[in-house]
Amino acid sequence: MIDQFFWWCVGVLQYIGAITGMGYNMANIVIFVILQPGLILLFFILWRMEKRKNKSK
């Protein structure tokens, strides 16, 4: 089951790479090296801002 899920994910990345013209490797880099860490950092910053805002009340 995990093997099937892995190959499905590889297929999705290949599809994204083909649609955008980036290729599998570049799609992988954009998603997992740029977008995911960027979103984690964004949500961390938003969480800290909200926490600081609630602390002052």
Protein backbone atom coordinates (compact mmCIF):
# COMPACT_ATOMS: atom_id res chain seq x y z
CA MET A 1 0.00 0.00 0.00
CA ILE A 2 2.79 2.47 0.89
CA ASP A 3 4.61 1.47 -2.29
CA GLN A 4 1.51 2.26 -4.35
CA PHE A 5 1.11 5.63 -2.62
CA PHE A 6 4.78 6.46 -3.27
CA TRP A 7 4.46 5.69 -6.98
CA TRP A 8 1.23 7.68 -7.16
CA CYS A 9 3.08 10.66 -5.67
CA VAL A 10 5.91 10.21 -8.18
CA GLY A 11 3.30 10.19 -10.95
CA VAL A 12 1.77 13.40 -9.63
CA LEU A 13 5.19 15.08 -9.55
CA GLN A 14 5.90 13.88 -13.08
CA TYR A 15 2.53 15.24 -14.21
CA ILE A 16 3.17 18.61 -12.55
CA GLY A 17 6.62 18.69 -14.13
CA ALA A 18 5.21 17.90 -17.56
CA ILE A 19 2.38 20.44 -17.33
CA THR A 20 4.63 23.27 -16.15
CA GLY A 21 7.59 22.33 -18.34
CA MET A 22 9.89 22.16 -15.30
CA GLY A 23 10.39 18.42 -15.24
CA TYR A 24 10.15 16.02 -12.31
CA ASN A 25 13.33 17.14 -10.52
CA MET A 26 12.58 20.85 -10.65
CA ALA A 27 8.96 20.30 -9.54
CA ASN A 28 10.29 18.28 -6.60
CA ILE A 29 12.71 21.08 -5.65
CA VAL A 30 10.08 23.81 -5.95
CA ILE A 31 7.56 21.94 -3.81
CA PHE A 32 9.78 20.43 -1.11
CA VAL A 33 12.68 22.88 -0.91
CA ILE A 34 10.94 26.22 -1.55
CA LEU A 35 7.16 26.03 -1.01
CA GLN A 36 6.90 23.70 1.98
CA PRO A 37 9.57 25.42 4.13
CA GLY A 38 8.20 28.80 3.07
CA LEU A 39 4.70 27.86 4.21
CA ILE A 40 6.03 26.49 7.50
CA LEU A 41 7.91 29.74 8.12
CA LEU A 42 4.88 31.84 7.15
CA PHE A 43 2.55 29.95 9.50
CA PHE A 44 5.12 30.14 12.31
CA ILE A 45 5.39 33.91 11.89
CA LEU A 46 1.60 34.29 11.79
CA TRP A 47 1.26 32.12 14.89
CA ARG A 48 3.85 34.20 16.78
CA MET A 49 2.14 37.44 15.76
CA GLU A 50 -1.23 36.13 16.93
CA LYS A 51 0.26 34.88 20.18
CA ARG A 52 1.89 38.26 20.81
CA LYS A 53 -1.37 40.06 19.99
CA ASN A 54 -3.37 37.88 22.42
CA LYS A 55 -0.74 38.29 25.14
CA SER A 56 -1.18 42.08 25.19
CA LYS A 57 -4.92 41.81 25.92
